[in-house]
Amino acid sequence: MKKLQIITKQVANETVSSKQLMIAALSANQEALKGLKELRQAIKLYDKIEASGDVLELEDAEFDLLYSSLDKMQWGGGALVFGDFFDEIVRIKNE
């Protein structure tokens, strides 16, 4: 079980959560949405992210899908304030 702290930051006068980053990356990952099995896994993960409180608990396969989605995402400059979130993702991946 992987545990990921949910982070909230101010970006351009808007409150943004790491949940939003995860959902955006998952939605943009065309590989994760290519077939029914993959789509069901993505929907399950999406629901888990939405339902999470301050900590998101993921099984290894769920974390791998999330990591893959975050890694493939083309990030804009606004994501720079989430450096600590991305550092945590990489740390967990390397455990």
PDB file of N, CA and C in Angstrom:
ATOM      1  N   MET A   1       0.855  -1.178   0.000  1.00  0.00           N
ATOM      2  CA  MET A   1       0.000   0.000   0.000  1.00  0.00           C
ATOM      3  C   MET A   1       0.900   1.240   0.000  1.00  0.00           C
ATOM      4  N   LYS A   2       0.621   2.136  -0.919  1.00  0.00           N
ATOM      5  CA  LYS A   2       1.353   3.402  -1.022  1.00  0.00           C
ATOM      6  C   LYS A   2       0.457   4.509  -0.485  1.00  0.00           C
ATOM      7  N   LYS A   3       1.029   5.396   0.322  1.00  0.00           N
ATOM      8  CA  LYS A   3       0.273   6.511   0.887  1.00  0.00           C
ATOM      9  C   LYS A   3       0.852   7.814   0.360  1.00  0.00           C
ATOM     10  N   LEU A   4      -0.033   8.660  -0.145  1.00  0.00           N
ATOM     11  CA  LEU A   4       0.364   9.915  -0.758  1.00  0.00           C
ATOM     12  C   LEU A   4      -0.406  11.055  -0.112  1.00  0.00           C
ATOM     13  N   GLN A   5       0.323  12.024   0.428  1.00  0.00           N
ATOM     14  CA  GLN A   5      -0.286  13.186   1.066  1.00  0.00           C
ATOM     15  C   GLN A   5      -0.898  14.098   0.003  1.00  0.00           C
ATOM     16  N   ILE A   6      -2.138  14.538   0.212  1.00  0.00           N
ATOM     17  CA  ILE A   6      -2.790  15.484  -0.688  1.00  0.00           C
ATOM     18  C   ILE A   6      -2.319  16.884  -0.317  1.00  0.00           C
ATOM     19  N   ILE A   7      -1.905  17.644  -1.322  1.00  0.00           N
ATOM     20  CA  ILE A   7      -1.340  18.984  -1.123  1.00  0.00           C
ATOM     21  C   ILE A   7      -2.238  20.002  -1.815  1.00  0.00           C
ATOM     22  N   THR A   8      -2.441  21.151  -1.169  1.00  0.00           N
ATOM     23  CA  THR A   8      -3.202  22.250  -1.753  1.00  0.00           C
ATOM     24  C   THR A   8      -2.297  23.480  -1.795  1.00  0.00           C
ATOM     25  N   LYS A   9      -2.306  24.177  -2.950  1.00  0.00           N
ATOM     26  CA  LYS A   9      -1.454  25.362  -3.141  1.00  0.00           C
ATOM     27  C   LYS A   9      -2.268  26.467  -3.807  1.00  0.00           C
ATOM     28  N   GLN A  10      -1.753  27.691  -3.688  1.00  0.00           N
ATOM     29  CA  GLN A  10      -2.296  28.832  -4.412  1.00  0.00           C
ATOM     30  C   GLN A  10      -1.525  28.972  -5.720  1.00  0.00           C
ATOM     31  N   VAL A  11      -2.230  28.962  -6.841  1.00  0.00           N
ATOM     32  CA  VAL A  11      -1.627  29.131  -8.157  1.00  0.00           C
ATOM     33  C   VAL A  11      -2.435  30.200  -8.888  1.00  0.00           C
ATOM     34  N   ALA A  12      -1.790  31.327  -9.169  1.00  0.00           N
ATOM     35  CA  ALA A  12      -2.444  32.425  -9.893  1.00  0.00           C
ATOM     36  C   ALA A  12      -3.807  32.771  -9.281  1.00  0.00           C
ATOM     37  N   ASN A  13      -3.804  33.037  -7.982  1.00  0.00           N
ATOM     38  CA  ASN A  13      -5.011  33.422  -7.242  1.00  0.00           C
ATOM     39  C   ASN A  13      -6.106  32.351  -7.228  1.00  0.00           C
ATOM     40  N   GLU A  14      -5.729  31.128  -7.457  1.00  0.00           N
ATOM     41  CA  GLU A  14      -6.679  30.021  -7.440  1.00  0.00           C
ATOM     42  C   GLU A  14      -6.118  28.913  -6.559  1.00  0.00           C
ATOM     43  N   THR A  15      -6.973  28.282  -5.762  1.00  0.00           N
ATOM     44  CA  THR A  15      -6.567  27.151  -4.943  1.00  0.00           C
ATOM     45  C   THR A  15      -6.593  25.897  -5.798  1.00  0.00           C
ATOM     46  N   VAL A  16      -5.442  25.213  -5.846  1.00  0.00           N
ATOM     47  CA  VAL A  16      -5.307  24.005  -6.655  1.00  0.00           C
ATOM     48  C   VAL A  16      -4.830  22.874  -5.752  1.00  0.00           C
ATOM     49  N   SER A  17      -5.433  21.718  -5.914  1.00  0.00           N
ATOM     50  CA  SER A  17      -5.082  20.546  -5.127  1.00  0.00           C
ATOM     51  C   SER A  17      -4.283  19.562  -5.975  1.00  0.00           C
ATOM     52  N   SER A  18      -3.434  18.789  -5.314  1.00  0.00           N
ATOM     53  CA  SER A  18      -2.722  17.736  -6.039  1.00  0.00           C
ATOM     54  C   SER A  18      -3.718  16.717  -6.607  1.00  0.00           C
ATOM     55  N   LYS A  19      -4.911  16.633  -6.030  1.00  0.00           N
ATOM     56  CA  LYS A  19      -5.956  15.777  -6.601  1.00  0.00           C
ATOM     57  C   LYS A  19      -6.259  16.209  -8.035  1.00  0.00           C
ATOM     58  N   GLN A  20      -6.349  17.528  -8.249  1.00  0.00           N
ATOM     59  CA  GLN A  20      -6.635  18.051  -9.580  1.00  0.00           C
ATOM     60  C   GLN A  20      -5.522  17.697 -10.559  1.00  0.00           C
ATOM     61  N   LEU A  21      -4.280  17.764 -10.099  1.00  0.00           N
ATOM     62  CA  LEU A  21      -3.151  17.396 -10.954  1.00  0.00           C
ATOM     63  C   LEU A  21      -3.220  15.918 -11.337  1.00  0.00           C
ATOM     64  N   MET A  22      -3.522  15.082 -10.361  1.00  0.00           N
ATOM     65  CA  MET A  22      -3.591  13.647 -10.625  1.00  0.00           C
ATOM     66  C   MET A  22      -4.717  13.316 -11.607  1.00  0.00           C
ATOM     67  N   ILE A  23      -5.869  13.942 -11.427  1.00  0.00           N
ATOM     68  CA  ILE A  23      -7.002  13.688 -12.309  1.00  0.00           C
ATOM     69  C   ILE A  23      -6.712  14.190 -13.721  1.00  0.00           C
ATOM     70  N   ALA A  24      -6.092  15.360 -13.831  1.00  0.00           N
ATOM     71  CA  ALA A  24      -5.743  15.896 -15.152  1.00  0.00           C
ATOM     72  C   ALA A  24      -4.770  14.969 -15.874  1.00  0.00           C
ATOM     73  N   ALA A  25      -3.766  14.487 -15.155  1.00  0.00           N
ATOM     74  CA  ALA A  25      -2.769  13.596 -15.762  1.00  0.00           C
ATOM     75  C   ALA A  25      -3.400  12.274 -16.172  1.00  0.00           C
ATOM     76  N   LEU A  26      -4.247  11.738 -15.327  1.00  0.00           N
ATOM     77  CA  LEU A  26      -4.915  10.473 -15.627  1.00  0.00           C
ATOM     78  C   LEU A  26      -5.824  10.625 -16.850  1.00  0.00           C
ATOM     79  N   SER A  27      -6.550  11.728 -16.929  1.00  0.00           N
ATOM     80  CA  SER A  27      -7.455  11.983 -18.056  1.00  0.00           C
ATOM     81  C   SER A  27      -6.705  12.172 -19.368  1.00  0.00           C
ATOM     82  N   ALA A  28      -5.490  12.723 -19.295  1.00  0.00           N
ATOM     83  CA  ALA A  28      -4.699  12.989 -20.504  1.00  0.00           C
ATOM     84  C   ALA A  28      -3.889  11.788 -20.970  1.00  0.00           C
ATOM     85  N   ASN A  29      -3.802  10.748 -20.151  1.00  0.00           N
ATOM     86  CA  ASN A  29      -2.991   9.579 -20.486  1.00  0.00           C
ATOM     87  C   ASN A  29      -3.759   8.677 -21.454  1.00  0.00           C
ATOM     88  N   GLN A  30      -3.520   8.868 -22.740  1.00  0.00           N
ATOM     89  CA  GLN A  30      -4.242   8.105 -23.764  1.00  0.00           C
ATOM     90  C   GLN A  30      -3.987   6.605 -23.648  1.00  0.00           C
ATOM     91  N   GLU A  31      -2.802   6.233 -23.203  1.00  0.00           N
ATOM     92  CA  GLU A  31      -2.474   4.815 -23.037  1.00  0.00           C
ATOM     93  C   GLU A  31      -3.363   4.173 -21.967  1.00  0.00           C
ATOM     94  N   ALA A  32      -3.657   4.945 -20.913  1.00  0.00           N
ATOM     95  CA  ALA A  32      -4.481   4.427 -19.819  1.00  0.00           C
ATOM     96  C   ALA A  32      -5.942   4.304 -20.229  1.00  0.00           C
ATOM     97  N   LEU A  33      -6.312   4.935 -21.336  1.00  0.00           N
ATOM     98  CA  LEU A  33      -7.711   4.948 -21.755  1.00  0.00           C
ATOM     99  C   LEU A  33      -7.938   4.171 -23.054  1.00  0.00           C
ATOM    100  N   LYS A  34      -6.984   3.322 -23.434  1.00  0.00           N
ATOM    101  CA  LYS A  34      -7.028   2.686 -24.759  1.00  0.00           C
ATOM    102  C   LYS A  34      -7.983   1.506 -24.891  1.00  0.00           C
ATOM    103  N   GLY A  35      -8.357   0.867 -23.831  1.00  0.00           N
ATOM    104  CA  GLY A  35      -9.248  -0.293 -23.905  1.00  0.00           C
ATOM    105  C   GLY A  35     -10.183  -0.317 -22.713  1.00  0.00           C
ATOM    106  N   LEU A  36     -11.142  -1.209 -22.730  1.00  0.00           N
ATOM    107  CA  LEU A  36     -12.120  -1.263 -21.644  1.00  0.00           C
ATOM    108  C   LEU A  36     -11.491  -1.593 -20.299  1.00  0.00           C
ATOM    109  N   LYS A  37     -10.568  -2.545 -20.280  1.00  0.00           N
ATOM    110  CA  LYS A  37      -9.907  -2.917 -19.022  1.00  0.00           C
ATOM    111  C   LYS A  37      -9.148  -1.725 -18.451  1.00  0.00           C
ATOM    112  N   GLU A  38      -8.393  -1.045 -19.303  1.00  0.00           N
ATOM    113  CA  GLU A  38      -7.607   0.103 -18.873  1.00  0.00           C
ATOM    114  C   GLU A  38      -8.521   1.255 -18.438  1.00  0.00           C
ATOM    115  N   LEU A  39      -9.608   1.442 -19.181  1.00  0.00           N
ATOM    116  CA  LEU A  39     -10.555   2.498 -18.841  1.00  0.00           C
ATOM    117  C   LEU A  39     -11.189   2.245 -17.483  1.00  0.00           C
ATOM    118  N   ARG A  40     -11.552   0.995 -17.211  1.00  0.00           N
ATOM    119  CA  ARG A  40     -12.125   0.651 -15.891  1.00  0.00           C
ATOM    120  C   ARG A  40     -11.128   0.911 -14.772  1.00  0.00           C
ATOM    121  N   GLN A  41      -9.840   0.576 -14.999  1.00  0.00           N
ATOM    122  CA  GLN A  41      -8.807   0.836 -13.990  1.00  0.00           C
ATOM    123  C   GLN A  41      -8.671   2.340 -13.744  1.00  0.00           C
ATOM    124  N   ALA A  42      -8.694   3.129 -14.824  1.00  0.00           N
ATOM    125  CA  ALA A  42      -8.573   4.581 -14.698  1.00  0.00           C
ATOM    126  C   ALA A  42      -9.773   5.174 -13.953  1.00  0.00           C
ATOM    127  N   ILE A  43     -10.965   4.674 -14.243  1.00  0.00           N
ATOM    128  CA  ILE A  43     -12.168   5.158 -13.552  1.00  0.00           C
ATOM    129  C   ILE A  43     -12.109   4.825 -12.064  1.00  0.00           C
ATOM    130  N   LYS A  44     -11.680   3.617 -11.747  1.00  0.00           N
ATOM    131  CA  LYS A  44     -11.543   3.208 -10.340  1.00  0.00           C
ATOM    132  C   LYS A  44     -10.553   4.121  -9.612  1.00  0.00           C
ATOM    133  N   LEU A  45      -9.428   4.418 -10.263  1.00  0.00           N
ATOM    134  CA  LEU A  45      -8.432   5.295  -9.655  1.00  0.00           C
ATOM    135  C   LEU A  45      -8.969   6.717  -9.524  1.00  0.00           C
ATOM    136  N   TYR A  46      -9.644   7.200 -10.557  1.00  0.00           N
ATOM    137  CA  TYR A  46     -10.263   8.527 -10.512  1.00  0.00           C
ATOM    138  C   TYR A  46     -11.204   8.633  -9.309  1.00  0.00           C
ATOM    139  N   ASP A  47     -12.071   7.644  -9.140  1.00  0.00           N
ATOM    140  CA  ASP A  47     -13.017   7.638  -8.018  1.00  0.00           C
ATOM    141  C   ASP A  47     -12.283   7.626  -6.679  1.00  0.00           C
ATOM    142  N   LYS A  48     -11.208   6.869  -6.595  1.00  0.00           N
ATOM    143  CA  LYS A  48     -10.429   6.783  -5.354  1.00  0.00           C
ATOM    144  C   LYS A  48      -9.784   8.131  -5.029  1.00  0.00           C
ATOM    145  N   ILE A  49      -9.265   8.806  -6.055  1.00  0.00           N
ATOM    146  CA  ILE A  49      -8.663  10.133  -5.854  1.00  0.00           C
ATOM    147  C   ILE A  49      -9.725  11.103  -5.359  1.00  0.00           C
ATOM    148  N   GLU A  50     -10.870  11.131  -6.029  1.00  0.00           N
ATOM    149  CA  GLU A  50     -11.964  12.039  -5.654  1.00  0.00           C
ATOM    150  C   GLU A  50     -12.435  11.800  -4.224  1.00  0.00           C
ATOM    151  N   ALA A  51     -12.512  10.543  -3.801  1.00  0.00           N
ATOM    152  CA  ALA A  51     -13.040  10.196  -2.485  1.00  0.00           C
ATOM    153  C   ALA A  51     -12.018  10.357  -1.358  1.00  0.00           C
ATOM    154  N   SER A  52     -10.764  10.542  -1.712  1.00  0.00           N
ATOM    155  CA  SER A  52      -9.717  10.589  -0.680  1.00  0.00           C
ATOM    156  C   SER A  52      -9.813  11.868   0.145  1.00  0.00           C
ATOM    157  N   GLY A  53      -9.316  11.763   1.364  1.00  0.00           N
ATOM    158  CA  GLY A  53      -9.232  12.920   2.249  1.00  0.00           C
ATOM    159  C   GLY A  53      -7.862  13.559   2.118  1.00  0.00           C
ATOM    160  N   ASP A  54      -7.145  13.629   3.235  1.00  0.00           N
ATOM    161  CA  ASP A  54      -5.812  14.230   3.239  1.00  0.00           C
ATOM    162  C   ASP A  54      -4.734  13.281   2.750  1.00  0.00           C
ATOM    163  N   VAL A  55      -5.032  11.978   2.748  1.00  0.00           N
ATOM    164  CA  VAL A  55      -4.059  10.971   2.320  1.00  0.00           C
ATOM    165  C   VAL A  55      -4.737  10.035   1.331  1.00  0.00           C
ATOM    166  N   LEU A  56      -4.061   9.801   0.215  1.00  0.00           N
ATOM    167  CA  LEU A  56      -4.541   8.875  -0.803  1.00  0.00           C
ATOM    168  C   LEU A  56      -3.787   7.566  -0.640  1.00  0.00           C
ATOM    169  N   GLU A  57      -4.511   6.470  -0.419  1.00  0.00           N
ATOM    170  CA  GLU A  57      -3.901   5.151  -0.272  1.00  0.00           C
ATOM    171  C   GLU A  57      -4.127   4.358  -1.550  1.00  0.00           C
ATOM    172  N   LEU A  58      -3.027   3.893  -2.146  1.00  0.00           N
ATOM    173  CA  LEU A  58      -3.088   3.211  -3.431  1.00  0.00           C
ATOM    174  C   LEU A  58      -2.402   1.856  -3.377  1.00  0.00           C
ATOM    175  N   GLU A  59      -3.005   0.890  -4.065  1.00  0.00           N
ATOM    176  CA  GLU A  59      -2.344  -0.394  -4.290  1.00  0.00           C
ATOM    177  C   GLU A  59      -1.199  -0.148  -5.279  1.00  0.00           C
ATOM    178  N   ASP A  60      -0.258  -1.071  -5.364  1.00  0.00           N
ATOM    179  CA  ASP A  60       0.903  -0.896  -6.242  1.00  0.00           C
ATOM    180  C   ASP A  60       0.510  -0.641  -7.690  1.00  0.00           C
ATOM    181  N   ALA A  61      -0.445  -1.388  -8.220  1.00  0.00           N
ATOM    182  CA  ALA A  61      -0.861  -1.214  -9.624  1.00  0.00           C
ATOM    183  C   ALA A  61      -1.512   0.156  -9.837  1.00  0.00           C
ATOM    184  N   GLU A  62      -2.278   0.615  -8.858  1.00  0.00           N
ATOM    185  CA  GLU A  62      -2.892   1.944  -8.954  1.00  0.00           C
ATOM    186  C   GLU A  62      -1.827   3.024  -8.944  1.00  0.00           C
ATOM    187  N   PHE A  63      -0.845   2.870  -8.058  1.00  0.00           N
ATOM    188  CA  PHE A  63       0.240   3.851  -7.998  1.00  0.00           C
ATOM    189  C   PHE A  63       1.011   3.863  -9.313  1.00  0.00           C
ATOM    190  N   ASP A  64       1.277   2.693  -9.878  1.00  0.00           N
ATOM    191  CA  ASP A  64       2.016   2.622 -11.148  1.00  0.00           C
ATOM    192  C   ASP A  64       1.263   3.343 -12.258  1.00  0.00           C
ATOM    193  N   LEU A  65      -0.051   3.186 -12.312  1.00  0.00           N
ATOM    194  CA  LEU A  65      -0.851   3.887 -13.310  1.00  0.00           C
ATOM    195  C   LEU A  65      -0.790   5.396 -13.085  1.00  0.00           C
ATOM    196  N   LEU A  66      -0.901   5.816 -11.837  1.00  0.00           N
ATOM    197  CA  LEU A  66      -0.820   7.242 -11.517  1.00  0.00           C
ATOM    198  C   LEU A  66       0.552   7.800 -11.871  1.00  0.00           C
ATOM    199  N   TYR A  67       1.599   7.092 -11.478  1.00  0.00           N
ATOM    200  CA  TYR A  67       2.966   7.548 -11.767  1.00  0.00           C
ATOM    201  C   TYR A  67       3.174   7.677 -13.276  1.00  0.00           C
ATOM    202  N   SER A  68       2.758   6.684 -14.023  1.00  0.00           N
ATOM    203  CA  SER A  68       2.888   6.704 -15.474  1.00  0.00           C
ATOM    204  C   SER A  68       2.156   7.904 -16.071  1.00  0.00           C
ATOM    205  N   SER A  69       0.969   8.175 -15.577  1.00  0.00           N
ATOM    206  CA  SER A  69       0.181   9.304 -16.078  1.00  0.00           C
ATOM    207  C   SER A  69       0.848  10.638 -15.760  1.00  0.00           C
ATOM    208  N   LEU A  70       1.337  10.781 -14.522  1.00  0.00           N
ATOM    209  CA  LEU A  70       2.017  12.015 -14.136  1.00  0.00           C
ATOM    210  C   LEU A  70       3.309  12.205 -14.927  1.00  0.00           C
ATOM    211  N   ASP A  71       4.008  11.109 -15.164  1.00  0.00           N
ATOM    212  CA  ASP A  71       5.288  11.166 -15.877  1.00  0.00           C
ATOM    213  C   ASP A  71       5.103  11.570 -17.341  1.00  0.00           C
ATOM    214  N   LYS A  72       4.001  11.173 -17.959  1.00  0.00           N
ATOM    215  CA  LYS A  72       3.758  11.459 -19.378  1.00  0.00           C
ATOM    216  C   LYS A  72       3.114  12.819 -19.616  1.00  0.00           C
ATOM    217  N   MET A  73       2.610  13.443 -18.564  1.00  0.00           N
ATOM    218  CA  MET A  73       1.884  14.706 -18.700  1.00  0.00           C
ATOM    219  C   MET A  73       2.819  15.832 -19.113  1.00  0.00           C
ATOM    220  N   GLN A  74       2.351  16.688 -20.015  1.00  0.00           N
ATOM    221  CA  GLN A  74       3.079  17.896 -20.404  1.00  0.00           C
ATOM    222  C   GLN A  74       2.662  19.004 -19.435  1.00  0.00           C
ATOM    223  N   TRP A  75       3.554  19.338 -18.508  1.00  0.00           N
ATOM    224  CA  TRP A  75       3.219  20.274 -17.437  1.00  0.00           C
ATOM    225  C   TRP A  75       3.554  21.698 -17.834  1.00  0.00           C
ATOM    226  N   GLY A  76       2.688  22.628 -17.440  1.00  0.00           N
ATOM    227  CA  GLY A  76       2.951  24.051 -17.624  1.00  0.00           C
ATOM    228  C   GLY A  76       3.655  24.613 -16.406  1.00  0.00           C
ATOM    229  N   GLY A  77       3.980  25.880 -16.450  1.00  0.00           N
ATOM    230  CA  GLY A  77       4.710  26.534 -15.368  1.00  0.00           C
ATOM    231  C   GLY A  77       3.990  26.534 -14.038  1.00  0.00           C
ATOM    232  N   GLY A  78       2.650  26.491 -14.046  1.00  0.00           N
ATOM    233  CA  GLY A  78       1.891  26.490 -12.809  1.00  0.00           C
ATOM    234  C   GLY A  78       2.182  25.289 -11.931  1.00  0.00           C
ATOM    235  N   ALA A  79       2.634  24.211 -12.531  1.00  0.00           N
ATOM    236  CA  ALA A  79       2.929  22.991 -11.773  1.00  0.00           C
ATOM    237  C   ALA A  79       4.197  23.120 -10.947  1.00  0.00           C
ATOM    238  N   LEU A  80       4.992  24.156 -11.200  1.00  0.00           N
ATOM    239  CA  LEU A  80       6.257  24.315 -10.473  1.00  0.00           C
ATOM    240  C   LEU A  80       6.060  24.450  -8.972  1.00  0.00           C
ATOM    241  N   VAL A  81       4.931  25.018  -8.537  1.00  0.00           N
ATOM    242  CA  VAL A  81       4.693  25.179  -7.100  1.00  0.00           C
ATOM    243  C   VAL A  81       4.405  23.843  -6.422  1.00  0.00           C
ATOM    244  N   PHE A  82       4.209  22.787  -7.197  1.00  0.00           N
ATOM    245  CA  PHE A  82       3.943  21.465  -6.646  1.00  0.00           C
ATOM    246  C   PHE A  82       5.207  20.599  -6.634  1.00  0.00           C
ATOM    247  N   GLY A  83       6.379  21.215  -6.596  1.00  0.00           N
ATOM    248  CA  GLY A  83       7.636  20.471  -6.572  1.00  0.00           C
ATOM    249  C   GLY A  83       7.685  19.449  -5.460  1.00  0.00           C
ATOM    250  N   ASP A  84       7.181  19.800  -4.276  1.00  0.00           N
ATOM    251  CA  ASP A  84       7.192  18.860  -3.147  1.00  0.00           C
ATOM    252  C   ASP A  84       6.294  17.653  -3.424  1.00  0.00           C
ATOM    253  N   PHE A  85       5.187  17.860  -4.113  1.00  0.00           N
ATOM    254  CA  PHE A  85       4.306  16.752  -4.481  1.00  0.00           C
ATOM    255  C   PHE A  85       5.012  15.808  -5.454  1.00  0.00           C
ATOM    256  N   PHE A  86       5.649  16.370  -6.481  1.00  0.00           N
ATOM    257  CA  PHE A  86       6.358  15.541  -7.459  1.00  0.00           C
ATOM    258  C   PHE A  86       7.547  14.818  -6.820  1.00  0.00           C
ATOM    259  N   ASP A  87       8.228  15.487  -5.891  1.00  0.00           N
ATOM    260  CA  ASP A  87       9.324  14.835  -5.158  1.00  0.00           C
ATOM    261  C   ASP A  87       8.810  13.634  -4.372  1.00  0.00           C
ATOM    262  N   GLU A  88       7.629  13.783  -3.757  1.00  0.00           N
ATOM    263  CA  GLU A  88       7.042  12.691  -2.984  1.00  0.00           C
ATOM    264  C   GLU A  88       6.668  11.514  -3.890  1.00  0.00           C
ATOM    265  N   ILE A  89       6.127  11.806  -5.057  1.00  0.00           N
ATOM    266  CA  ILE A  89       5.777  10.753  -6.026  1.00  0.00           C
ATOM    267  C   ILE A  89       7.022   9.962  -6.401  1.00  0.00           C
ATOM    268  N   VAL A  90       8.107  10.656  -6.717  1.00  0.00           N
ATOM    269  CA  VAL A  90       9.347   9.985  -7.115  1.00  0.00           C
ATOM    270  C   VAL A  90       9.930   9.190  -5.944  1.00  0.00           C
ATOM    271  N   ARG A  91       9.860   9.762  -4.730  1.00  0.00           N
ATOM    272  CA  ARG A  91      10.381   9.050  -3.553  1.00  0.00           C
ATOM    273  C   ARG A  91       9.625   7.738  -3.342  1.00  0.00           C
ATOM    274  N   ILE A  92       8.301   7.798  -3.424  1.00  0.00           N
ATOM    275  CA  ILE A  92       7.498   6.585  -3.243  1.00  0.00           C
ATOM    276  C   ILE A  92       7.800   5.577  -4.339  1.00  0.00           C
ATOM    277  N   LYS A  93       7.951   6.035  -5.570  1.00  0.00           N
ATOM    278  CA  LYS A  93       8.245   5.139  -6.691  1.00  0.00           C
ATOM    279  C   LYS A  93       9.557   4.400  -6.448  1.00  0.00           C
ATOM    280  N   ASN A  94      10.529   5.078  -5.842  1.00  0.00           N
ATOM    281  CA  ASN A  94      11.860   4.497  -5.643  1.00  0.00           C
ATOM    282  C   ASN A  94      11.978   3.658  -4.365  1.00  0.00           C
ATOM    283  N   GLU A  95      10.911   3.561  -3.582  1.00  0.00           N
ATOM    284  CA  GLU A  95      10.970   2.746  -2.346  1.00  0.00           C
ATOM    285  C   GLU A  95      11.043   1.276  -2.655  1.00  0.00           C
TER     286      GLU A  95
END
